[in-house]
Every structure is written in C-alpha cells, then in structure tokens.
Protein backbone atom coordinates (compact mmCIF):
# COMPACT_ATOMS: atom_id res chain seq x y z
CA MET A 1 20.81 86.51 102.57
CA ALA A 2 21.84 88.79 105.42
CA ALA A 3 24.93 88.27 107.53
CA ALA A 4 24.75 87.74 111.28
CA GLY A 5 23.05 90.74 112.82
CA GLY A 6 21.11 91.42 109.61
CA ARG A 7 23.94 93.22 107.82
CA PHE A 8 24.71 92.87 104.12
CA LEU A 9 27.07 95.02 102.04
CA THR A 10 26.33 96.06 98.49
CA ALA A 11 29.05 98.10 96.79
CA ARG A 12 29.55 99.09 93.16
CA ASN A 13 32.24 101.23 91.50
CA VAL A 14 34.21 101.76 94.73
CA ILE A 15 37.90 101.96 95.51
CA CYS A 16 38.84 100.37 98.81
CA ARG A 17 42.54 100.75 99.66
CA SER A 18 44.56 101.08 102.83
CA ASP A 19 47.81 102.74 103.80
CA SER A 20 48.75 99.59 105.70
CA SER A 21 49.32 96.02 104.61
CA SER A 22 45.79 95.01 105.62
CA GLU A 23 43.31 93.65 103.11
CA VAL A 24 39.58 93.99 102.81
CA ALA A 25 37.72 91.10 104.40
CA ALA A 26 34.17 90.06 105.14
CA ASN A 27 33.01 87.36 107.48
CA SER A 28 32.05 85.52 104.33
CA PRO A 29 32.04 86.62 100.69
CA SER A 30 28.32 85.84 100.80
CA ASP A 31 27.96 88.75 103.27
CA ALA A 32 28.80 91.21 100.50
CA ASP A 33 27.87 91.94 96.90
CA VAL A 34 30.84 93.92 95.60
CA THR A 35 31.12 94.52 91.85
CA PHE A 36 33.20 96.63 89.47
CA SER A 37 35.45 97.77 92.31
CA ASN A 38 39.16 98.15 93.00
CA ILE A 39 39.72 96.27 96.26
CA ALA A 40 43.06 95.91 98.07
CA GLY A 41 43.97 92.24 98.21
CA GLY A 42 41.22 91.37 95.73
CA PHE A 43 37.64 90.42 96.42
CA PRO A 44 35.25 88.04 94.66
CA GLY A 45 32.74 89.71 92.39
CA LEU A 46 32.03 90.63 88.79
CA GLY A 47 34.50 93.19 87.43
CA ASN A 48 36.56 93.50 90.64
CA PHE A 49 40.32 94.05 90.47
CA ASP A 50 43.31 94.97 92.65
CA GLU A 51 45.56 97.66 91.16
CA ASP A 52 47.04 100.98 92.25
CA PRO A 53 44.28 103.50 91.44
CA LEU A 54 46.85 106.24 90.72
CA PHE A 55 45.39 109.01 92.84
CA PHE A 56 46.84 112.50 92.45
CA GLY A 57 47.55 113.07 96.15
CA PRO A 58 45.90 110.73 98.64
CA GLU A 59 48.11 112.02 101.45
CA ALA A 60 46.49 115.42 100.95
CA GLY A 61 42.99 114.04 100.46
CA ASP A 62 43.07 114.35 96.65
CA PHE A 63 41.51 111.14 95.35
CA ARG A 64 41.04 112.22 91.75
CA LEU A 65 42.35 109.75 89.16
CA LYS A 66 45.53 110.33 87.18
CA PRO A 67 45.67 109.51 83.48
CA GLY A 68 46.48 105.82 83.04
CA SER A 69 44.53 104.73 86.12
CA SER A 70 43.00 101.26 85.84
CA CYS A 71 39.84 102.79 87.35
CA ILE A 72 39.07 104.90 84.28
CA ASP A 73 36.15 103.56 82.21
CA THR A 74 36.04 100.24 84.12
CA GLY A 75 32.97 100.82 86.29
CA ASP A 76 29.65 99.06 85.99
CA PRO A 77 28.61 99.29 82.32
CA MET A 78 24.97 99.58 83.45
CA ALA A 79 25.73 102.68 85.57
CA ALA A 80 25.16 106.18 84.22
CA SER A 81 27.90 107.45 81.92
CA ASP A 82 30.50 109.87 83.22
CA PRO A 83 30.20 113.60 82.44
CA ASP A 84 32.53 113.07 79.44
CA GLY A 85 30.09 110.50 78.01
CA THR A 86 32.31 107.46 78.60
CA ARG A 87 31.67 104.35 80.69
CA SER A 88 31.53 105.07 84.41
CA ASP A 89 34.80 105.19 86.31
CA VAL A 90 35.53 103.35 89.54
CA GLY A 91 35.77 105.71 92.51
CA ALA A 92 34.11 108.82 93.89
CA PHE A 93 35.44 111.25 91.29
CA PRO A 94 35.11 110.69 87.53
CA PHE A 95 38.34 111.15 85.60
CA ASP A 96 38.72 114.71 84.32
CA ALA A 97 41.45 115.15 81.70
CA SER A 98 41.62 118.89 82.45
CA TYR A 99 42.26 118.43 86.19
CA ARG A 100 45.66 119.95 87.13
CA GLY A 101 46.76 119.89 83.56
CA ALA A 102 46.39 116.10 83.42
CA PRO A 103 50.06 115.25 84.07
CA THR A 104 51.14 111.95 82.63
CA VAL A 105 52.00 109.01 84.84
C-alpha cells in the first residue's frame, strides 16, 4: 500500500541517526517497510533496534564501525555476506577489523 502521493519507503540494513534530539518518523508505520536497521528513537520492523552505532568519526564523515558496534553481524540474514564471510552488517560500510588498527571501544 502506498502512502499519500504514492510514496512508500523500503529500507534494509540502514543506520538512521541524527545529531539532534529528533527521531525518525513516518506519517504511518504502514508507509514504510524498515527491517534490520538501527533507527534513532526506534521504529517498528523485524530486526530493528536503537543503539549507538559506534562510528569512528561521524563529525569528520567517517561512518565506519568500531569494534563492539551493535551493527556488526546484525543485518538481514538473507542479504549477501560481508567481505569477511560473516552475516551482513547494518550500515553503509562493513566492519573491517584492520581499519585504523581496530582500536577497542
């Protein structure tokens, strides 16, 4: 079913955060199919959660995941595996243990 104006959102394995106190909202949860995603404020959908993704340096545009991120290996289990052969990660960049020496959290 499409939302008013014919729009419908489908999102999988995404991180949606904000640097303000705002939360993600849709006119109606039925206007969106969001799954296996880290959404600020939470959002209905299979596998969704609301936790700090532990980016290396979002202020500098570095959205790679730090070790210990809740986004590692929690993506859609039906999605293609990450380059390291594990379950897909949530977010644009798969976790890479060698990135910047993989500092611990």
